Amino acid sequence: MPQVVNPPADDDAVARQRLYQSAGAPTTQFNGVAPKGALCVDYTNAVLYINTGTKAAATWTKVGTQT
């Protein structure tokens, strides 16, 4: 289950959240939540992703040449 690493104190803080985690590569579970530039750590495979899409439609791109 995806989790926000640093949960917000109020609704306005949700837009400022930038670090997420998931078991496996992120897919659509953060659509509407993760803003452009947000990071997601796949803790199962130790891979870092960045949202290069939008908050409404996240596109998760692997950072660097991780395998």
PDB file of N, CA and C in Angstrom:
ATOM      1  N   MET A   1       0.846  -1.183   0.000  1.00  0.00           N
ATOM      2  CA  MET A   1       0.000   0.000   0.000  1.00  0.00           C
ATOM      3  C   MET A   1       0.884   1.237   0.000  1.00  0.00           C
ATOM      4  N   PRO A   2       0.622   2.208  -0.879  1.00  0.00           N
ATOM      5  CA  PRO A   2       1.428   3.425  -0.914  1.00  0.00           C
ATOM      6  C   PRO A   2       1.225   4.246   0.345  1.00  0.00           C
ATOM      7  N   GLN A   3       2.274   4.918   0.733  1.00  0.00           N
ATOM      8  CA  GLN A   3       2.216   5.734   1.936  1.00  0.00           C
ATOM      9  C   GLN A   3       2.925   7.061   1.702  1.00  0.00           C
ATOM     10  N   VAL A   4       2.405   8.097   2.338  1.00  0.00           N
ATOM     11  CA  VAL A   4       3.083   9.379   2.358  1.00  0.00           C
ATOM     12  C   VAL A   4       4.074   9.313   3.506  1.00  0.00           C
ATOM     13  N   VAL A   5       5.343   9.575   3.220  1.00  0.00           N
ATOM     14  CA  VAL A   5       6.374   9.452   4.243  1.00  0.00           C
ATOM     15  C   VAL A   5       6.202  10.495   5.329  1.00  0.00           C
ATOM     16  N   ASN A   6       5.883  11.708   4.953  1.00  0.00           N
ATOM     17  CA  ASN A   6       5.708  12.775   5.929  1.00  0.00           C
ATOM     18  C   ASN A   6       4.267  13.272   5.855  1.00  0.00           C
ATOM     19  N   PRO A   7       3.342  12.667   6.615  1.00  0.00           N
ATOM     20  CA  PRO A   7       1.931  13.026   6.505  1.00  0.00           C
ATOM     21  C   PRO A   7       1.684  14.496   6.824  1.00  0.00           C
ATOM     22  N   PRO A   8       0.763  15.105   6.092  1.00  0.00           N
ATOM     23  CA  PRO A   8       0.483  16.530   6.281  1.00  0.00           C
ATOM     24  C   PRO A   8      -0.310  16.797   7.560  1.00  0.00           C
ATOM     25  N   ALA A   9      -0.154  17.983   8.080  1.00  0.00           N
ATOM     26  CA  ALA A   9      -0.899  18.387   9.273  1.00  0.00           C
ATOM     27  C   ALA A   9      -2.271  18.917   8.896  1.00  0.00           C
ATOM     28  N   ASP A  10      -2.441  19.389   7.676  1.00  0.00           N
ATOM     29  CA  ASP A  10      -3.724  19.930   7.221  1.00  0.00           C
ATOM     30  C   ASP A  10      -3.851  19.747   5.720  1.00  0.00           C
ATOM     31  N   ASP A  11      -5.022  20.032   5.171  1.00  0.00           N
ATOM     32  CA  ASP A  11      -5.266  19.821   3.743  1.00  0.00           C
ATOM     33  C   ASP A  11      -4.347  20.647   2.850  1.00  0.00           C
ATOM     34  N   ASP A  12      -4.015  21.870   3.250  1.00  0.00           N
ATOM     35  CA  ASP A  12      -3.144  22.708   2.432  1.00  0.00           C
ATOM     36  C   ASP A  12      -1.748  22.110   2.320  1.00  0.00           C
ATOM     37  N   ALA A  13      -1.331  21.382   3.333  1.00  0.00           N
ATOM     38  CA  ALA A  13       0.011  20.801   3.321  1.00  0.00           C
ATOM     39  C   ALA A  13       0.118  19.655   2.316  1.00  0.00           C
ATOM     40  N   VAL A  14      -1.003  19.067   1.914  1.00  0.00           N
ATOM     41  CA  VAL A  14      -0.960  17.952   0.970  1.00  0.00           C
ATOM     42  C   VAL A  14      -0.248  18.354  -0.308  1.00  0.00           C
ATOM     43  N   ALA A  15      -0.503  19.536  -0.796  1.00  0.00           N
ATOM     44  CA  ALA A  15       0.118  20.006  -2.039  1.00  0.00           C
ATOM     45  C   ALA A  15       1.621  20.151  -1.902  1.00  0.00           C
ATOM     46  N   ARG A  16       2.126  20.286  -0.690  1.00  0.00           N
ATOM     47  CA  ARG A  16       3.560  20.470  -0.485  1.00  0.00           C
ATOM     48  C   ARG A  16       4.304  19.159  -0.275  1.00  0.00           C
ATOM     49  N   GLN A  17       3.606  18.048  -0.155  1.00  0.00           N
ATOM     50  CA  GLN A  17       4.268  16.769   0.082  1.00  0.00           C
ATOM     51  C   GLN A  17       5.033  16.357  -1.163  1.00  0.00           C
ATOM     52  N   ARG A  18       6.253  15.928  -0.970  1.00  0.00           N
ATOM     53  CA  ARG A  18       7.110  15.610  -2.108  1.00  0.00           C
ATOM     54  C   ARG A  18       7.746  14.228  -2.045  1.00  0.00           C
ATOM     55  N   LEU A  19       7.619  13.499  -0.932  1.00  0.00           N
ATOM     56  CA  LEU A  19       8.292  12.211  -0.793  1.00  0.00           C
ATOM     57  C   LEU A  19       7.280  11.130  -0.459  1.00  0.00           C
ATOM     58  N   TYR A  20       7.258  10.097  -1.293  1.00  0.00           N
ATOM     59  CA  TYR A  20       6.312   8.997  -1.145  1.00  0.00           C
ATOM     60  C   TYR A  20       7.072   7.683  -1.192  1.00  0.00           C
ATOM     61  N   GLN A  21       6.409   6.612  -0.786  1.00  0.00           N
ATOM     62  CA  GLN A  21       7.031   5.295  -0.864  1.00  0.00           C
ATOM     63  C   GLN A  21       6.002   4.272  -1.306  1.00  0.00           C
ATOM     64  N   SER A  22       6.484   3.227  -1.959  1.00  0.00           N
ATOM     65  CA  SER A  22       5.582   2.157  -2.386  1.00  0.00           C
ATOM     66  C   SER A  22       6.357   0.849  -2.484  1.00  0.00           C
ATOM     67  N   ALA A  23       5.631  -0.243  -2.385  1.00  0.00           N
ATOM     68  CA  ALA A  23       6.213  -1.567  -2.590  1.00  0.00           C
ATOM     69  C   ALA A  23       6.099  -1.860  -4.083  1.00  0.00           C
ATOM     70  N   GLY A  24       7.180  -1.737  -4.792  1.00  0.00           N
ATOM     71  CA  GLY A  24       7.158  -1.871  -6.246  1.00  0.00           C
ATOM     72  C   GLY A  24       7.110  -0.500  -6.899  1.00  0.00           C
ATOM     73  N   ALA A  25       7.249  -0.499  -8.208  1.00  0.00           N
ATOM     74  CA  ALA A  25       7.251   0.764  -8.955  1.00  0.00           C
ATOM     75  C   ALA A  25       5.904   1.459  -8.810  1.00  0.00           C
ATOM     76  N   PRO A  26       5.914   2.787  -8.640  1.00  0.00           N
ATOM     77  CA  PRO A  26       4.646   3.513  -8.537  1.00  0.00           C
ATOM     78  C   PRO A  26       3.895   3.476  -9.865  1.00  0.00           C
ATOM     79  N   THR A  27       2.575   3.431  -9.773  1.00  0.00           N
ATOM     80  CA  THR A  27       1.746   3.444 -10.977  1.00  0.00           C
ATOM     81  C   THR A  27       0.774   4.603 -10.861  1.00  0.00           C
ATOM     82  N   THR A  28      -0.502   4.332 -10.769  1.00  0.00           N
ATOM     83  CA  THR A  28      -1.490   5.405 -10.699  1.00  0.00           C
ATOM     84  C   THR A  28      -1.961   5.694  -9.275  1.00  0.00           C
ATOM     85  N   GLN A  29      -1.391   5.006  -8.288  1.00  0.00           N
ATOM     86  CA  GLN A  29      -1.883   5.170  -6.919  1.00  0.00           C
ATOM     87  C   GLN A  29      -1.683   6.570  -6.353  1.00  0.00           C
ATOM     88  N   PHE A  30      -0.806   7.374  -6.953  1.00  0.00           N
ATOM     89  CA  PHE A  30      -0.573   8.726  -6.456  1.00  0.00           C
ATOM     90  C   PHE A  30      -1.204   9.798  -7.335  1.00  0.00           C
ATOM     91  N   ASN A  31      -1.962   9.418  -8.371  1.00  0.00           N
ATOM     92  CA  ASN A  31      -2.651  10.412  -9.203  1.00  0.00           C
ATOM     93  C   ASN A  31      -3.573  11.249  -8.321  1.00  0.00           C
ATOM     94  N   GLY A  32      -3.526  12.547  -8.502  1.00  0.00           N
ATOM     95  CA  GLY A  32      -4.339  13.457  -7.703  1.00  0.00           C
ATOM     96  C   GLY A  32      -3.717  13.786  -6.366  1.00  0.00           C
ATOM     97  N   VAL A  33      -2.548  13.213  -6.081  1.00  0.00           N
ATOM     98  CA  VAL A  33      -1.905  13.409  -4.781  1.00  0.00           C
ATOM     99  C   VAL A  33      -0.491  13.969  -4.923  1.00  0.00           C
ATOM    100  N   ALA A  34       0.333  13.304  -5.731  1.00  0.00           N
ATOM    101  CA  ALA A  34       1.746  13.671  -5.851  1.00  0.00           C
ATOM    102  C   ALA A  34       1.950  14.745  -6.906  1.00  0.00           C
ATOM    103  N   PRO A  35       2.443  15.921  -6.523  1.00  0.00           N
ATOM    104  CA  PRO A  35       2.664  16.984  -7.505  1.00  0.00           C
ATOM    105  C   PRO A  35       3.872  16.700  -8.396  1.00  0.00           C
ATOM    106  N   LYS A  36       3.967  17.423  -9.491  1.00  0.00           N
ATOM    107  CA  LYS A  36       5.122  17.312 -10.380  1.00  0.00           C
ATOM    108  C   LYS A  36       6.386  17.571  -9.565  1.00  0.00           C
ATOM    109  N   GLY A  37       7.401  16.722  -9.754  1.00  0.00           N
ATOM    110  CA  GLY A  37       8.649  16.856  -9.011  1.00  0.00           C
ATOM    111  C   GLY A  37       8.692  16.021  -7.747  1.00  0.00           C
ATOM    112  N   ALA A  38       7.574  15.391  -7.380  1.00  0.00           N
ATOM    113  CA  ALA A  38       7.553  14.535  -6.187  1.00  0.00           C
ATOM    114  C   ALA A  38       8.430  13.310  -6.418  1.00  0.00           C
ATOM    115  N   LEU A  39       8.975  12.779  -5.342  1.00  0.00           N
ATOM    116  CA  LEU A  39       9.812  11.591  -5.403  1.00  0.00           C
ATOM    117  C   LEU A  39       9.086  10.415  -4.775  1.00  0.00           C
ATOM    118  N   CYS A  40       9.344   9.231  -5.301  1.00  0.00           N
ATOM    119  CA  CYS A  40       8.778   8.008  -4.735  1.00  0.00           C
ATOM    120  C   CYS A  40       9.877   6.965  -4.639  1.00  0.00           C
ATOM    121  N   VAL A  41      10.035   6.393  -3.457  1.00  0.00           N
ATOM    122  CA  VAL A  41      11.010   5.339  -3.237  1.00  0.00           C
ATOM    123  C   VAL A  41      10.297   3.990  -3.321  1.00  0.00           C
ATOM    124  N   ASP A  42      10.727   3.164  -4.242  1.00  0.00           N
ATOM    125  CA  ASP A  42      10.271   1.776  -4.313  1.00  0.00           C
ATOM    126  C   ASP A  42      11.155   1.025  -3.326  1.00  0.00           C
ATOM    127  N   TYR A  43      10.635   0.775  -2.137  1.00  0.00           N
ATOM    128  CA  TYR A  43      11.464   0.170  -1.090  1.00  0.00           C
ATOM    129  C   TYR A  43      11.643  -1.329  -1.283  1.00  0.00           C
ATOM    130  N   THR A  44      10.894  -1.937  -2.173  1.00  0.00           N
ATOM    131  CA  THR A  44      11.091  -3.361  -2.461  1.00  0.00           C
ATOM    132  C   THR A  44      12.333  -3.572  -3.315  1.00  0.00           C
ATOM    133  N   ASN A  45      12.531  -2.688  -4.300  1.00  0.00           N
ATOM    134  CA  ASN A  45      13.639  -2.830  -5.249  1.00  0.00           C
ATOM    135  C   ASN A  45      14.723  -1.771  -5.083  1.00  0.00           C
ATOM    136  N   ALA A  46      14.573  -0.887  -4.095  1.00  0.00           N
ATOM    137  CA  ALA A  46      15.543   0.182  -3.832  1.00  0.00           C
ATOM    138  C   ALA A  46      15.775   1.049  -5.067  1.00  0.00           C
ATOM    139  N   VAL A  47      14.668   1.549  -5.633  1.00  0.00           N
ATOM    140  CA  VAL A  47      14.735   2.397  -6.825  1.00  0.00           C
ATOM    141  C   VAL A  47      13.994   3.701  -6.539  1.00  0.00           C
ATOM    142  N   LEU A  48      14.559   4.807  -6.990  1.00  0.00           N
ATOM    143  CA  LEU A  48      13.973   6.126  -6.806  1.00  0.00           C
ATOM    144  C   LEU A  48      13.323   6.594  -8.100  1.00  0.00           C
ATOM    145  N   TYR A  49      12.112   7.159  -7.987  1.00  0.00           N
ATOM    146  CA  TYR A  49      11.367   7.683  -9.131  1.00  0.00           C
ATOM    147  C   TYR A  49      11.006   9.140  -8.878  1.00  0.00           C
ATOM    148  N   ILE A  50      10.830   9.900  -9.980  1.00  0.00           N
ATOM    149  CA  ILE A  50      10.364  11.279  -9.900  1.00  0.00           C
ATOM    150  C   ILE A  50       9.120  11.415 -10.783  1.00  0.00           C
ATOM    151  N   ASN A  51       8.150  12.197 -10.300  1.00  0.00           N
ATOM    152  CA  ASN A  51       6.944  12.439 -11.087  1.00  0.00           C
ATOM    153  C   ASN A  51       7.246  13.531 -12.102  1.00  0.00           C
ATOM    154  N   THR A  52       7.308  13.146 -13.366  1.00  0.00           N
ATOM    155  CA  THR A  52       7.548  14.112 -14.436  1.00  0.00           C
ATOM    156  C   THR A  52       6.245  14.514 -15.114  1.00  0.00           C
ATOM    157  N   GLY A  53       5.142  13.975 -14.623  1.00  0.00           N
ATOM    158  CA  GLY A  53       3.825  14.331 -15.156  1.00  0.00           C
ATOM    159  C   GLY A  53       3.216  15.459 -14.347  1.00  0.00           C
ATOM    160  N   THR A  54       1.941  15.362 -14.100  1.00  0.00           N
ATOM    161  CA  THR A  54       1.228  16.373 -13.337  1.00  0.00           C
ATOM    162  C   THR A  54       0.662  15.741 -12.076  1.00  0.00           C
ATOM    163  N   LYS A  55       0.107  16.569 -11.212  1.00  0.00           N
ATOM    164  CA  LYS A  55      -0.531  16.039 -10.012  1.00  0.00           C
ATOM    165  C   LYS A  55      -1.728  15.166 -10.401  1.00  0.00           C
ATOM    166  N   ALA A  56      -2.476  15.578 -11.409  1.00  0.00           N
ATOM    167  CA  ALA A  56      -3.659  14.829 -11.837  1.00  0.00           C
ATOM    168  C   ALA A  56      -3.299  13.516 -12.525  1.00  0.00           C
ATOM    169  N   ALA A  57      -2.193  13.512 -13.253  1.00  0.00           N
ATOM    170  CA  ALA A  57      -1.785  12.321 -14.008  1.00  0.00           C
ATOM    171  C   ALA A  57      -0.276  12.128 -13.853  1.00  0.00           C
ATOM    172  N   ALA A  58       0.114  11.476 -12.771  1.00  0.00           N
ATOM    173  CA  ALA A  58       1.537  11.273 -12.481  1.00  0.00           C
ATOM    174  C   ALA A  58       2.178  10.359 -13.521  1.00  0.00           C
ATOM    175  N   THR A  59       3.395  10.728 -13.928  1.00  0.00           N
ATOM    176  CA  THR A  59       4.224   9.885 -14.783  1.00  0.00           C
ATOM    177  C   THR A  59       5.501   9.656 -14.014  1.00  0.00           C
ATOM    178  N   TRP A  60       5.722   8.432 -13.578  1.00  0.00           N
ATOM    179  CA  TRP A  60       6.876   8.116 -12.729  1.00  0.00           C
ATOM    180  C   TRP A  60       8.052   7.677 -13.580  1.00  0.00           C
ATOM    181  N   THR A  61       9.149   8.425 -13.473  1.00  0.00           N
ATOM    182  CA  THR A  61      10.359   8.177 -14.250  1.00  0.00           C
ATOM    183  C   THR A  61      11.470   7.786 -13.300  1.00  0.00           C
ATOM    184  N   LYS A  62      12.152   6.683 -13.638  1.00  0.00           N
ATOM    185  CA  LYS A  62      13.258   6.217 -12.815  1.00  0.00           C
ATOM    186  C   LYS A  62      14.376   7.266 -12.858  1.00  0.00           C
ATOM    187  N   VAL A  63      14.935   7.573 -11.707  1.00  0.00           N
ATOM    188  CA  VAL A  63      16.013   8.555 -11.601  1.00  0.00           C
ATOM    189  C   VAL A  63      17.348   7.870 -11.897  1.00  0.00           C
ATOM    190  N   GLY A  64      18.089   8.414 -12.839  1.00  0.00           N
ATOM    191  CA  GLY A  64      19.417   7.894 -13.137  1.00  0.00           C
ATOM    192  C   GLY A  64      19.412   6.536 -13.817  1.00  0.00           C
ATOM    193  N   THR A  65      20.469   5.781 -13.579  1.00  0.00           N
ATOM    194  CA  THR A  65      20.642   4.483 -14.247  1.00  0.00           C
ATOM    195  C   THR A  65      20.507   3.334 -13.255  1.00  0.00           C
ATOM    196  N   GLN A  66      19.582   3.442 -12.352  1.00  0.00           N
ATOM    197  CA  GLN A  66      19.369   2.393 -11.362  1.00  0.00           C
ATOM    198  C   GLN A  66      18.838   1.140 -12.047  1.00  0.00           C
ATOM    199  N   THR A  67      19.156   0.002 -11.470  1.00  0.00           N
ATOM    200  CA  THR A  67      18.648  -1.267 -12.020  1.00  0.00           C
ATOM    201  C   THR A  67      17.816  -1.977 -10.976  1.00  0.00           C
TER     202      THR A  67
END
